[in-house]
């Protein structure tokens, strides 16, 4: 472990199962008046569910941003394809990747539909 004191707060989180209960352990280390101070939070039940919903919301937002960025990049390739030949292998690999992503999205939608019944 480093003997240099931290200058700004650090936080790590990990989800685990303990005695068949889902838990989130959150360790936060902060600079204090007499050295470093640490807090350990254990989230379970409603607090854990709220945390998971927040994480899922952030993941969804990130996914949409990445999808839009991908769409822009593909449009750029389409608009510039006449300038130089694009490697067909790259496009075929991209198409396989997109097929896999589409399948994963369909599975998530299917699971959500079954949970809502």
PDB file of N, CA and C in Angstrom:
ATOM      1  N   UNK A   1       0.828  -1.176   0.000  1.00  0.00           N
ATOM      2  CA  UNK A   1       0.000   0.000   0.000  1.00  0.00           C
ATOM      3  C   UNK A   1       0.876   1.244   0.000  1.00  0.00           C
ATOM      4  N   UNK A   2       0.417   2.274  -0.643  1.00  0.00           N
ATOM      5  CA  UNK A   2       1.167   3.513  -0.762  1.00  0.00           C
ATOM      6  C   UNK A   2       1.175   4.274   0.564  1.00  0.00           C
ATOM      7  N   UNK A   3       2.324   4.895   0.880  1.00  0.00           N
ATOM      8  CA  UNK A   3       2.397   5.703   2.100  1.00  0.00           C
ATOM      9  C   UNK A   3       2.147   7.177   1.810  1.00  0.00           C
ATOM     10  N   UNK A   4       1.907   7.514   0.555  1.00  0.00           N
ATOM     11  CA  UNK A   4       1.596   8.891   0.182  1.00  0.00           C
ATOM     12  C   UNK A   4       0.114   9.141   0.448  1.00  0.00           C
ATOM     13  N   UNK A   5      -0.213  10.170   1.247  1.00  0.00           N
ATOM     14  CA  UNK A   5      -1.630  10.422   1.540  1.00  0.00           C
ATOM     15  C   UNK A   5      -2.397  10.839   0.280  1.00  0.00           C
ATOM     16  N   UNK A   6      -3.651  10.460   0.243  1.00  0.00           N
ATOM     17  CA  UNK A   6      -4.480  10.819  -0.908  1.00  0.00           C
ATOM     18  C   UNK A   6      -4.874  12.288  -0.807  1.00  0.00           C
ATOM     19  N   UNK A   7      -5.094  12.907  -1.958  1.00  0.00           N
ATOM     20  CA  UNK A   7      -5.457  14.324  -1.983  1.00  0.00           C
ATOM     21  C   UNK A   7      -6.936  14.539  -2.219  1.00  0.00           C
ATOM     22  N   UNK A   8      -7.578  13.566  -2.840  1.00  0.00           N
ATOM     23  CA  UNK A   8      -9.017  13.689  -3.079  1.00  0.00           C
ATOM     24  C   UNK A   8      -9.683  12.358  -2.731  1.00  0.00           C
ATOM     25  N   UNK A   9     -10.966  12.395  -2.407  1.00  0.00           N
ATOM     26  CA  UNK A   9     -11.663  11.168  -2.010  1.00  0.00           C
ATOM     27  C   UNK A   9     -11.615  10.106  -3.107  1.00  0.00           C
ATOM     28  N   UNK A  10     -11.506   8.869  -2.682  1.00  0.00           N
ATOM     29  CA  UNK A  10     -11.534   7.715  -3.583  1.00  0.00           C
ATOM     30  C   UNK A  10     -12.647   6.784  -3.121  1.00  0.00           C
ATOM     31  N   UNK A  11     -13.269   6.134  -4.099  1.00  0.00           N
ATOM     32  CA  UNK A  11     -14.382   5.240  -3.768  1.00  0.00           C
ATOM     33  C   UNK A  11     -14.324   4.017  -4.670  1.00  0.00           C
ATOM     34  N   UNK A  12     -14.551   2.852  -4.078  1.00  0.00           N
ATOM     35  CA  UNK A  12     -14.672   1.612  -4.844  1.00  0.00           C
ATOM     36  C   UNK A  12     -15.936   0.899  -4.385  1.00  0.00           C
ATOM     37  N   UNK A  13     -16.546   0.179  -5.329  1.00  0.00           N
ATOM     38  CA  UNK A  13     -17.777  -0.553  -5.029  1.00  0.00           C
ATOM     39  C   UNK A  13     -17.657  -1.953  -5.607  1.00  0.00           C
ATOM     40  N   UNK A  14     -18.267  -2.891  -4.910  1.00  0.00           N
ATOM     41  CA  UNK A  14     -18.301  -4.259  -5.407  1.00  0.00           C
ATOM     42  C   UNK A  14     -19.602  -4.913  -4.945  1.00  0.00           C
ATOM     43  N   UNK A  15     -20.236  -5.642  -5.858  1.00  0.00           N
ATOM     44  CA  UNK A  15     -21.461  -6.371  -5.510  1.00  0.00           C
ATOM     45  C   UNK A  15     -21.094  -7.817  -5.207  1.00  0.00           C
ATOM     46  N   UNK A  16     -21.687  -8.352  -4.177  1.00  0.00           N
ATOM     47  CA  UNK A  16     -21.437  -9.726  -3.762  1.00  0.00           C
ATOM     48  C   UNK A  16     -22.721 -10.355  -3.234  1.00  0.00           C
ATOM     49  N   UNK A  17     -22.686 -11.669  -3.110  1.00  0.00           N
ATOM     50  CA  UNK A  17     -23.784 -12.408  -2.479  1.00  0.00           C
ATOM     51  C   UNK A  17     -23.235 -12.985  -1.183  1.00  0.00           C
ATOM     52  N   UNK A  18     -23.907 -12.686  -0.075  1.00  0.00           N
ATOM     53  CA  UNK A  18     -23.515 -13.190   1.234  1.00  0.00           C
ATOM     54  C   UNK A  18     -24.736 -13.824   1.878  1.00  0.00           C
ATOM     55  N   UNK A  19     -24.629 -15.087   2.182  1.00  0.00           N
ATOM     56  CA  UNK A  19     -25.733 -15.854   2.767  1.00  0.00           C
ATOM     57  C   UNK A  19     -27.025 -15.649   1.972  1.00  0.00           C
ATOM     58  N   UNK A  20     -26.917 -15.841   0.662  1.00  0.00           N
ATOM     59  CA  UNK A  20     -28.038 -15.717  -0.283  1.00  0.00           C
ATOM     60  C   UNK A  20     -28.650 -14.315  -0.343  1.00  0.00           C
ATOM     61  N   UNK A  21     -27.954 -13.313   0.132  1.00  0.00           N
ATOM     62  CA  UNK A  21     -28.419 -11.929   0.053  1.00  0.00           C
ATOM     63  C   UNK A  21     -27.471 -11.127  -0.832  1.00  0.00           C
ATOM     64  N   UNK A  22     -28.038 -10.377  -1.768  1.00  0.00           N
ATOM     65  CA  UNK A  22     -27.229  -9.498  -2.611  1.00  0.00           C
ATOM     66  C   UNK A  22     -26.842  -8.270  -1.799  1.00  0.00           C
ATOM     67  N   UNK A  23     -25.562  -7.923  -1.873  1.00  0.00           N
ATOM     68  CA  UNK A  23     -25.036  -6.775  -1.137  1.00  0.00           C
ATOM     69  C   UNK A  23     -24.166  -5.930  -2.059  1.00  0.00           C
ATOM     70  N   UNK A  24     -24.080  -4.666  -1.743  1.00  0.00           N
ATOM     71  CA  UNK A  24     -23.100  -3.798  -2.379  1.00  0.00           C
ATOM     72  C   UNK A  24     -22.216  -3.261  -1.268  1.00  0.00           C
ATOM     73  N   UNK A  25     -20.917  -3.462  -1.415  1.00  0.00           N
ATOM     74  CA  UNK A  25     -19.957  -2.916  -0.464  1.00  0.00           C
ATOM     75  C   UNK A  25     -19.318  -1.696  -1.111  1.00  0.00           C
ATOM     76  N   UNK A  26     -19.362  -0.582  -0.406  1.00  0.00           N
ATOM     77  CA  UNK A  26     -18.805   0.674  -0.925  1.00  0.00           C
ATOM     78  C   UNK A  26     -17.786   1.184   0.095  1.00  0.00           C
ATOM     79  N   UNK A  27     -16.529   1.261  -0.328  1.00  0.00           N
ATOM     80  CA  UNK A  27     -15.459   1.774   0.522  1.00  0.00           C
ATOM     81  C   UNK A  27     -15.058   3.144   0.003  1.00  0.00           C
ATOM     82  N   UNK A  28     -15.074   4.107   0.900  1.00  0.00           N
ATOM     83  CA  UNK A  28     -14.707   5.477   0.527  1.00  0.00           C
ATOM     84  C   UNK A  28     -13.579   5.920   1.457  1.00  0.00           C
ATOM     85  N   UNK A  29     -12.472   6.371   0.852  1.00  0.00           N
ATOM     86  CA  UNK A  29     -11.319   6.866   1.608  1.00  0.00           C
ATOM     87  C   UNK A  29     -11.162   8.343   1.275  1.00  0.00           C
ATOM     88  N   UNK A  30     -11.044   9.160   2.341  1.00  0.00           N
ATOM     89  CA  UNK A  30     -10.981  10.617   2.176  1.00  0.00           C
ATOM     90  C   UNK A  30      -9.815  11.169   2.986  1.00  0.00           C
ATOM     91  N   UNK A  31      -9.259  12.286   2.530  1.00  0.00           N
ATOM     92  CA  UNK A  31      -8.244  12.933   3.367  1.00  0.00           C
ATOM     93  C   UNK A  31      -8.919  13.514   4.610  1.00  0.00           C
ATOM     94  N   UNK A  32      -8.270  13.365   5.740  1.00  0.00           N
ATOM     95  CA  UNK A  32      -8.830  13.881   6.988  1.00  0.00           C
ATOM     96  C   UNK A  32      -7.835  14.790   7.688  1.00  0.00           C
ATOM     97  N   UNK A  33      -8.246  15.335   8.810  1.00  0.00           N
ATOM     98  CA  UNK A  33      -7.391  16.256   9.565  1.00  0.00           C
ATOM     99  C   UNK A  33      -6.142  15.553  10.094  1.00  0.00           C
ATOM    100  N   UNK A  34      -6.260  14.264  10.442  1.00  0.00           N
ATOM    101  CA  UNK A  34      -5.142  13.530  11.039  1.00  0.00           C
ATOM    102  C   UNK A  34      -4.743  12.331  10.184  1.00  0.00           C
ATOM    103  N   UNK A  35      -4.878  12.456   8.898  1.00  0.00           N
ATOM    104  CA  UNK A  35      -4.569  11.344   8.000  1.00  0.00           C
ATOM    105  C   UNK A  35      -5.795  11.018   7.170  1.00  0.00           C
ATOM    106  N   UNK A  36      -5.871   9.791   6.752  1.00  0.00           N
ATOM    107  CA  UNK A  36      -6.991   9.387   5.910  1.00  0.00           C
ATOM    108  C   UNK A  36      -8.120   8.811   6.755  1.00  0.00           C
ATOM    109  N   UNK A  37      -9.328   9.080   6.330  1.00  0.00           N
ATOM    110  CA  UNK A  37     -10.513   8.525   6.975  1.00  0.00           C
ATOM    111  C   UNK A  37     -11.217   7.636   5.966  1.00  0.00           C
ATOM    112  N   UNK A  38     -11.845   6.585   6.458  1.00  0.00           N
ATOM    113  CA  UNK A  38     -12.534   5.657   5.559  1.00  0.00           C
ATOM    114  C   UNK A  38     -13.921   5.350   6.095  1.00  0.00           C
ATOM    115  N   UNK A  39     -14.839   5.152   5.168  1.00  0.00           N
ATOM    116  CA  UNK A  39     -16.175   4.684   5.532  1.00  0.00           C
ATOM    117  C   UNK A  39     -16.479   3.461   4.681  1.00  0.00           C
ATOM    118  N   UNK A  40     -17.176   2.535   5.264  1.00  0.00           N
ATOM    119  CA  UNK A  40     -17.617   1.341   4.554  1.00  0.00           C
ATOM    120  C   UNK A  40     -19.132   1.296   4.641  1.00  0.00           C
ATOM    121  N   UNK A  41     -19.781   1.295   3.493  1.00  0.00           N
ATOM    122  CA  UNK A  41     -21.236   1.186   3.449  1.00  0.00           C
ATOM    123  C   UNK A  41     -21.599  -0.196   2.934  1.00  0.00           C
ATOM    124  N   UNK A  42     -22.642  -0.753   3.509  1.00  0.00           N
ATOM    125  CA  UNK A  42     -23.202  -2.012   3.029  1.00  0.00           C
ATOM    126  C   UNK A  42     -24.630  -1.708   2.598  1.00  0.00           C
ATOM    127  N   UNK A  43     -24.883  -1.832   1.306  1.00  0.00           N
ATOM    128  CA  UNK A  43     -26.224  -1.577   0.780  1.00  0.00           C
ATOM    129  C   UNK A  43     -26.914  -2.907   0.520  1.00  0.00           C
ATOM    130  N   UNK A  44     -28.156  -2.982   0.938  1.00  0.00           N
ATOM    131  CA  UNK A  44     -28.971  -4.167   0.663  1.00  0.00           C
ATOM    132  C   UNK A  44     -30.423  -3.735   0.631  1.00  0.00           C
ATOM    133  N   UNK A  45     -31.272  -4.622   0.211  1.00  0.00           N
ATOM    134  CA  UNK A  45     -32.699  -4.323   0.182  1.00  0.00           C
ATOM    135  C   UNK A  45     -33.023  -3.160  -0.736  1.00  0.00           C
ATOM    136  N   UNK A  46     -33.836  -2.224  -0.230  1.00  0.00           N
ATOM    137  CA  UNK A  46     -34.315  -1.095  -1.031  1.00  0.00           C
ATOM    138  C   UNK A  46     -33.166  -0.192  -1.483  1.00  0.00           C
ATOM    139  N   UNK A  47     -32.175   0.010  -0.622  1.00  0.00           N
ATOM    140  CA  UNK A  47     -31.034   0.860  -0.993  1.00  0.00           C
ATOM    141  C   UNK A  47     -30.251   0.242  -2.149  1.00  0.00           C
ATOM    142  N   UNK A  48     -30.072  -1.081  -2.112  1.00  0.00           N
ATOM    143  CA  UNK A  48     -29.369  -1.765  -3.193  1.00  0.00           C
ATOM    144  C   UNK A  48     -30.180  -1.710  -4.479  1.00  0.00           C
ATOM    145  N   UNK A  49     -31.484  -1.899  -4.364  1.00  0.00           N
ATOM    146  CA  UNK A  49     -32.349  -1.849  -5.553  1.00  0.00           C
ATOM    147  C   UNK A  49     -32.284  -0.460  -6.198  1.00  0.00           C
ATOM    148  N   UNK A  50     -32.319   0.590  -5.383  1.00  0.00           N
ATOM    149  CA  UNK A  50     -32.209   1.955  -5.897  1.00  0.00           C
ATOM    150  C   UNK A  50     -30.868   2.158  -6.601  1.00  0.00           C
ATOM    151  N   UNK A  51     -29.783   1.683  -5.982  1.00  0.00           N
ATOM    152  CA  UNK A  51     -28.451   1.781  -6.574  1.00  0.00           C
ATOM    153  C   UNK A  51     -28.419   1.079  -7.929  1.00  0.00           C
ATOM    154  N   UNK A  52     -28.980  -0.132  -7.998  1.00  0.00           N
ATOM    155  CA  UNK A  52     -28.980  -0.900  -9.240  1.00  0.00           C
ATOM    156  C   UNK A  52     -29.803  -0.202 -10.325  1.00  0.00           C
ATOM    157  N   UNK A  53     -30.922   0.402  -9.941  1.00  0.00           N
ATOM    158  CA  UNK A  53     -31.741   1.138 -10.909  1.00  0.00           C
ATOM    159  C   UNK A  53     -30.981   2.348 -11.452  1.00  0.00           C
ATOM    160  N   UNK A  54     -30.256   3.031 -10.576  1.00  0.00           N
ATOM    161  CA  UNK A  54     -29.459   4.186 -11.011  1.00  0.00           C
ATOM    162  C   UNK A  54     -28.366   3.745 -11.984  1.00  0.00           C
ATOM    163  N   UNK A  55     -27.692   2.640 -11.652  1.00  0.00           N
ATOM    164  CA  UNK A  55     -26.638   2.112 -12.521  1.00  0.00           C
ATOM    165  C   UNK A  55     -27.202   1.723 -13.875  1.00  0.00           C
ATOM    166  N   UNK A  56     -28.364   1.069 -13.877  1.00  0.00           N
ATOM    167  CA  UNK A  56     -29.002   0.650 -15.124  1.00  0.00           C
ATOM    168  C   UNK A  56     -29.394   1.861 -15.964  1.00  0.00           C
ATOM    169  N   UNK A  57     -29.871   2.903 -15.312  1.00  0.00           N
ATOM    170  CA  UNK A  57     -30.225   4.128 -16.021  1.00  0.00           C
ATOM    171  C   UNK A  57     -28.995   4.748 -16.687  1.00  0.00           C
ATOM    172  N   UNK A  58     -27.877   4.792 -15.966  1.00  0.00           N
ATOM    173  CA  UNK A  58     -26.639   5.327 -16.537  1.00  0.00           C
ATOM    174  C   UNK A  58     -26.145   4.465 -17.695  1.00  0.00           C
ATOM    175  N   UNK A  59     -26.230   3.140 -17.535  1.00  0.00           N
ATOM    176  CA  UNK A  59     -25.835   2.234 -18.618  1.00  0.00           C
ATOM    177  C   UNK A  59     -26.688   2.458 -19.855  1.00  0.00           C
ATOM    178  N   UNK A  60     -27.982   2.640 -19.651  1.00  0.00           N
ATOM    179  CA  UNK A  60     -28.889   2.876 -20.776  1.00  0.00           C
ATOM    180  C   UNK A  60     -28.531   4.167 -21.502  1.00  0.00           C
ATOM    181  N   UNK A  61     -28.246   5.222 -20.739  1.00  0.00           N
ATOM    182  CA  UNK A  61     -27.863   6.501 -21.344  1.00  0.00           C
ATOM    183  C   UNK A  61     -26.557   6.370 -22.125  1.00  0.00           C
ATOM    184  N   UNK A  62     -25.578   5.670 -21.526  1.00  0.00           N
ATOM    185  CA  UNK A  62     -24.298   5.454 -22.207  1.00  0.00           C
ATOM    186  C   UNK A  62     -24.489   4.663 -23.496  1.00  0.00           C
ATOM    187  N   UNK A  63     -25.353   3.655 -23.445  1.00  0.00           N
ATOM    188  CA  UNK A  63     -25.610   2.819 -24.615  1.00  0.00           C
ATOM    189  C   UNK A  63     -26.216   3.638 -25.744  1.00  0.00           C
ATOM    190  N   UNK A  64     -27.168   4.497 -25.412  1.00  0.00           N
ATOM    191  CA  UNK A  64     -27.773   5.350 -26.439  1.00  0.00           C
ATOM    192  C   UNK A  64     -26.745   6.303 -27.055  1.00  0.00           C
ATOM    193  N   UNK A  65     -25.888   6.878 -26.218  1.00  0.00           N
ATOM    194  CA  UNK A  65     -24.847   7.774 -26.735  1.00  0.00           C
ATOM    195  C   UNK A  65     -23.913   7.027 -27.686  1.00  0.00           C
ATOM    196  N   UNK A  66     -23.499   5.824 -27.281  1.00  0.00           N
ATOM    197  CA  UNK A  66     -22.606   5.037 -28.128  1.00  0.00           C
ATOM    198  C   UNK A  66     -23.283   4.643 -29.433  1.00  0.00           C
ATOM    199  N   UNK A  67     -24.564   4.292 -29.363  1.00  0.00           N
ATOM    200  CA  UNK A  67     -25.314   3.949 -30.571  1.00  0.00           C
ATOM    201  C   UNK A  67     -25.376   5.115 -31.536  1.00  0.00           C
ATOM    202  N   UNK A  68     -25.605   6.315 -30.997  1.00  0.00           N
ATOM    203  CA  UNK A  68     -25.646   7.515 -31.849  1.00  0.00           C
ATOM    204  C   UNK A  68     -24.279   7.800 -32.460  1.00  0.00           C
ATOM    205  N   UNK A  69     -23.218   7.620 -31.656  1.00  0.00           N
ATOM    206  CA  UNK A  69     -21.867   7.822 -32.174  1.00  0.00           C
ATOM    207  C   UNK A  69     -21.557   6.819 -33.284  1.00  0.00           C
ATOM    208  N   UNK A  70     -21.969   5.573 -33.098  1.00  0.00           N
ATOM    209  CA  UNK A  70     -21.753   4.546 -34.117  1.00  0.00           C
ATOM    210  C   UNK A  70     -22.497   4.900 -35.394  1.00  0.00           C
ATOM    211  N   UNK A  71     -23.720   5.362 -35.239  1.00  0.00           N
ATOM    212  CA  UNK A  71     -24.511   5.753 -36.405  1.00  0.00           C
ATOM    213  C   UNK A  71     -23.822   6.888 -37.178  1.00  0.00           C
ATOM    214  N   UNK A  72     -23.273   7.842 -36.467  1.00  0.00           N
ATOM    215  CA  UNK A  72     -22.556   8.950 -37.105  1.00  0.00           C
ATOM    216  C   UNK A  72     -21.326   8.436 -37.848  1.00  0.00           C
ATOM    217  N   UNK A  73     -20.567   7.538 -37.215  1.00  0.00           N
ATOM    218  CA  UNK A  73     -19.360   6.993 -37.846  1.00  0.00           C
ATOM    219  C   UNK A  73     -19.707   6.198 -39.103  1.00  0.00           C
ATOM    220  N   UNK A  74     -20.749   5.397 -39.045  1.00  0.00           N
ATOM    221  CA  UNK A  74     -21.156   4.614 -40.212  1.00  0.00           C
ATOM    222  C   UNK A  74     -21.606   5.545 -41.335  1.00  0.00           C
ATOM    223  N   UNK A  75     -22.302   6.606 -40.979  1.00  0.00           N
ATOM    224  CA  UNK A  75     -22.714   7.592 -41.981  1.00  0.00           C
ATOM    225  C   UNK A  75     -21.494   8.254 -42.629  1.00  0.00           C
ATOM    226  N   UNK A  76     -20.469   8.525 -41.834  1.00  0.00           N
ATOM    227  CA  UNK A  76     -19.238   9.105 -42.375  1.00  0.00           C
ATOM    228  C   UNK A  76     -18.572   8.145 -43.358  1.00  0.00           C
ATOM    229  N   UNK A  77     -18.545   6.862 -43.016  1.00  0.00           N
ATOM    230  CA  UNK A  77     -17.989   5.854 -43.929  1.00  0.00           C
ATOM    231  C   UNK A  77     -18.790   5.838 -45.219  1.00  0.00           C
ATOM    232  N   UNK A  78     -20.099   5.847 -45.083  1.00  0.00           N
ATOM    233  CA  UNK A  78     -20.975   5.812 -46.258  1.00  0.00           C
ATOM    234  C   UNK A  78     -20.715   7.018 -47.170  1.00  0.00           C
ATOM    235  N   UNK A  79     -20.599   8.190 -46.571  1.00  0.00           N
ATOM    236  CA  UNK A  79     -20.405   9.413 -47.358  1.00  0.00           C
ATOM    237  C   UNK A  79     -19.025   9.488 -48.007  1.00  0.00           C
ATOM    238  N   UNK A  80     -18.041   8.812 -47.418  1.00  0.00           N
ATOM    239  CA  UNK A  80     -16.671   8.905 -47.931  1.00  0.00           C
ATOM    240  C   UNK A  80     -16.207   7.650 -48.663  1.00  0.00           C
ATOM    241  N   UNK A  81     -17.077   6.676 -48.809  1.00  0.00           N
ATOM    242  CA  UNK A  81     -16.646   5.407 -49.394  1.00  0.00           C
ATOM    243  C   UNK A  81     -16.132   5.554 -50.824  1.00  0.00           C
ATOM    244  N   UNK A  82     -16.597   6.560 -51.529  1.00  0.00           N
ATOM    245  CA  UNK A  82     -16.154   6.747 -52.913  1.00  0.00           C
ATOM    246  C   UNK A  82     -14.727   7.296 -53.002  1.00  0.00           C
ATOM    247  N   UNK A  83     -14.217   7.862 -51.904  1.00  0.00           N
ATOM    248  CA  UNK A  83     -12.873   8.446 -51.908  1.00  0.00           C
ATOM    249  C   UNK A  83     -11.777   7.381 -51.897  1.00  0.00           C
ATOM    250  N   UNK A  84     -12.031   6.309 -51.190  1.00  0.00           N
ATOM    251  CA  UNK A  84     -11.065   5.209 -51.105  1.00  0.00           C
ATOM    252  C   UNK A  84     -11.831   3.946 -50.752  1.00  0.00           C
ATOM    253  N   UNK A  85     -11.410   2.830 -51.293  1.00  0.00           N
ATOM    254  CA  UNK A  85     -12.126   1.591 -50.966  1.00  0.00           C
ATOM    255  C   UNK A  85     -11.958   1.241 -49.489  1.00  0.00           C
ATOM    256  N   UNK A  86     -13.062   0.921 -48.866  1.00  0.00           N
ATOM    257  CA  UNK A  86     -13.057   0.536 -47.456  1.00  0.00           C
ATOM    258  C   UNK A  86     -12.894  -0.975 -47.390  1.00  0.00           C
ATOM    259  N   UNK A  87     -12.209  -1.451 -46.391  1.00  0.00           N
ATOM    260  CA  UNK A  87     -11.978  -2.891 -46.277  1.00  0.00           C
ATOM    261  C   UNK A  87     -13.286  -3.612 -46.002  1.00  0.00           C
ATOM    262  N   UNK A  88     -13.622  -4.525 -46.903  1.00  0.00           N
ATOM    263  CA  UNK A  88     -14.857  -5.285 -46.776  1.00  0.00           C
ATOM    264  C   UNK A  88     -14.848  -6.141 -45.513  1.00  0.00           C
ATOM    265  N   UNK A  89     -13.670  -6.662 -45.143  1.00  0.00           N
ATOM    266  CA  UNK A  89     -13.570  -7.485 -43.934  1.00  0.00           C
ATOM    267  C   UNK A  89     -14.040  -6.717 -42.704  1.00  0.00           C
ATOM    268  N   UNK A  90     -13.670  -5.452 -42.625  1.00  0.00           N
ATOM    269  CA  UNK A  90     -14.083  -4.635 -41.479  1.00  0.00           C
ATOM    270  C   UNK A  90     -15.595  -4.476 -41.437  1.00  0.00           C
ATOM    271  N   UNK A  91     -16.199  -4.269 -42.589  1.00  0.00           N
ATOM    272  CA  UNK A  91     -17.656  -4.114 -42.639  1.00  0.00           C
ATOM    273  C   UNK A  91     -18.364  -5.413 -42.283  1.00  0.00           C
ATOM    274  N   UNK A  92     -17.827  -6.541 -42.747  1.00  0.00           N
ATOM    275  CA  UNK A  92     -18.439  -7.832 -42.414  1.00  0.00           C
ATOM    276  C   UNK A  92     -18.311  -8.125 -40.922  1.00  0.00           C
ATOM    277  N   UNK A  93     -17.173  -7.792 -40.348  1.00  0.00           N
ATOM    278  CA  UNK A  93     -16.985  -7.969 -38.902  1.00  0.00           C
ATOM    279  C   UNK A  93     -17.939  -7.066 -38.135  1.00  0.00           C
ATOM    280  N   UNK A  94     -18.084  -5.826 -38.591  1.00  0.00           N
ATOM    281  CA  UNK A  94     -19.021  -4.896 -37.962  1.00  0.00           C
ATOM    282  C   UNK A  94     -20.446  -5.425 -38.053  1.00  0.00           C
ATOM    283  N   UNK A  95     -20.802  -5.975 -39.208  1.00  0.00           N
ATOM    284  CA  UNK A  95     -22.155  -6.512 -39.373  1.00  0.00           C
ATOM    285  C   UNK A  95     -22.413  -7.672 -38.410  1.00  0.00           C
ATOM    286  N   UNK A  96     -21.426  -8.551 -38.214  1.00  0.00           N
ATOM    287  CA  UNK A  96     -21.575  -9.659 -37.256  1.00  0.00           C
ATOM    288  C   UNK A  96     -21.734  -9.117 -35.837  1.00  0.00           C
ATOM    289  N   UNK A  97     -20.938  -8.115 -35.516  1.00  0.00           N
ATOM    290  CA  UNK A  97     -21.029  -7.490 -34.196  1.00  0.00           C
ATOM    291  C   UNK A  97     -22.407  -6.887 -33.979  1.00  0.00           C
ATOM    292  N   UNK A  98     -22.920  -6.185 -34.979  1.00  0.00           N
ATOM    293  CA  UNK A  98     -24.249  -5.580 -34.870  1.00  0.00           C
ATOM    294  C   UNK A  98     -25.342  -6.639 -34.773  1.00  0.00           C
ATOM    295  N   UNK A  99     -25.170  -7.763 -35.476  1.00  0.00           N
ATOM    296  CA  UNK A  99     -26.125  -8.870 -35.354  1.00  0.00           C
ATOM    297  C   UNK A  99     -26.147  -9.399 -33.925  1.00  0.00           C
ATOM    298  N   UNK A 100     -24.960  -9.535 -33.312  1.00  0.00           N
ATOM    299  CA  UNK A 100     -24.884  -9.994 -31.922  1.00  0.00           C
ATOM    300  C   UNK A 100     -25.537  -8.996 -30.975  1.00  0.00           C
ATOM    301  N   UNK A 101     -25.290  -7.720 -31.192  1.00  0.00           N
ATOM    302  CA  UNK A 101     -25.900  -6.677 -30.356  1.00  0.00           C
ATOM    303  C   UNK A 101     -27.416  -6.720 -30.501  1.00  0.00           C
ATOM    304  N   UNK A 102     -27.894  -6.860 -31.730  1.00  0.00           N
ATOM    305  CA  UNK A 102     -29.339  -6.930 -31.960  1.00  0.00           C
ATOM    306  C   UNK A 102     -29.953  -8.122 -31.229  1.00  0.00           C
ATOM    307  N   UNK A 103     -29.258  -9.247 -31.261  1.00  0.00           N
ATOM    308  CA  UNK A 103     -29.757 -10.439 -30.557  1.00  0.00           C
ATOM    309  C   UNK A 103     -29.810 -10.185 -29.043  1.00  0.00           C
ATOM    310  N   UNK A 104     -28.781  -9.548 -28.502  1.00  0.00           N
ATOM    311  CA  UNK A 104     -28.767  -9.249 -27.072  1.00  0.00           C
ATOM    312  C   UNK A 104     -29.907  -8.310 -26.696  1.00  0.00           C
ATOM    313  N   UNK A 105     -30.155  -7.307 -27.520  1.00  0.00           N
ATOM    314  CA  UNK A 105     -31.253  -6.368 -27.256  1.00  0.00           C
ATOM    315  C   UNK A 105     -32.587  -7.101 -27.294  1.00  0.00           C
ATOM    316  N   UNK A 106     -32.767  -7.989 -28.264  1.00  0.00           N
ATOM    317  CA  UNK A 106     -34.009  -8.767 -28.350  1.00  0.00           C
ATOM    318  C   UNK A 106     -34.200  -9.635 -27.111  1.00  0.00           C
ATOM    319  N   UNK A 107     -33.121 -10.227 -26.602  1.00  0.00           N
ATOM    320  CA  UNK A 107     -33.205 -11.043 -25.384  1.00  0.00           C
ATOM    321  C   UNK A 107     -33.613 -10.197 -24.181  1.00  0.00           C
ATOM    322  N   UNK A 108     -33.041  -9.009 -24.064  1.00  0.00           N
ATOM    323  CA  UNK A 108     -33.385  -8.116 -22.949  1.00  0.00           C
ATOM    324  C   UNK A 108     -34.849  -7.707 -23.039  1.00  0.00           C
ATOM    325  N   UNK A 109     -35.301  -7.351 -24.231  1.00  0.00           N
ATOM    326  CA  UNK A 109     -36.703  -6.963 -24.419  1.00  0.00           C
ATOM    327  C   UNK A 109     -37.623  -8.125 -24.085  1.00  0.00           C
ATOM    328  N   UNK A 110     -37.262  -9.316 -24.517  1.00  0.00           N
ATOM    329  CA  UNK A 110     -38.072 -10.503 -24.236  1.00  0.00           C
ATOM    330  C   UNK A 110     -38.163 -10.759 -22.732  1.00  0.00           C
ATOM    331  N   UNK A 111     -37.023 -10.651 -22.035  1.00  0.00           N
ATOM    332  CA  UNK A 111     -37.024 -10.840 -20.580  1.00  0.00           C
ATOM    333  C   UNK A 111     -37.878  -9.782 -19.892  1.00  0.00           C
ATOM    334  N   UNK A 112     -37.790  -8.543 -20.341  1.00  0.00           N
ATOM    335  CA  UNK A 112     -38.593  -7.470 -19.757  1.00  0.00           C
ATOM    336  C   UNK A 112     -40.080  -7.726 -19.974  1.00  0.00           C
ATOM    337  N   UNK A 113     -40.436  -8.197 -21.170  1.00  0.00           N
ATOM    338  CA  UNK A 113     -41.841  -8.496 -21.458  1.00  0.00           C
ATOM    339  C   UNK A 113     -42.362  -9.618 -20.572  1.00  0.00           C
ATOM    340  N   UNK A 114     -41.531 -10.641 -20.317  1.00  0.00           N
ATOM    341  CA  UNK A 114     -41.956 -11.745 -19.449  1.00  0.00           C
ATOM    342  C   UNK A 114     -42.099 -11.294 -17.997  1.00  0.00           C
ATOM    343  N   UNK A 115     -41.225 -10.380 -17.562  1.00  0.00           N
ATOM    344  CA  UNK A 115     -41.304  -9.880 -16.187  1.00  0.00           C
ATOM    345  C   UNK A 115     -42.526  -8.997 -15.980  1.00  0.00           C
ATOM    346  N   UNK A 116     -42.971  -8.334 -17.039  1.00  0.00           N
ATOM    347  CA  UNK A 116     -44.118  -7.431 -16.930  1.00  0.00           C
ATOM    348  C   UNK A 116     -45.454  -8.154 -17.014  1.00  0.00           C
ATOM    349  N   UNK A 117     -45.436  -9.451 -17.316  1.00  0.00           N
ATOM    350  CA  UNK A 117     -46.705 -10.192 -17.404  1.00  0.00           C
ATOM    351  C   UNK A 117     -47.287 -10.472 -16.048  1.00  0.00           C
TER     352      UNK A 117
END
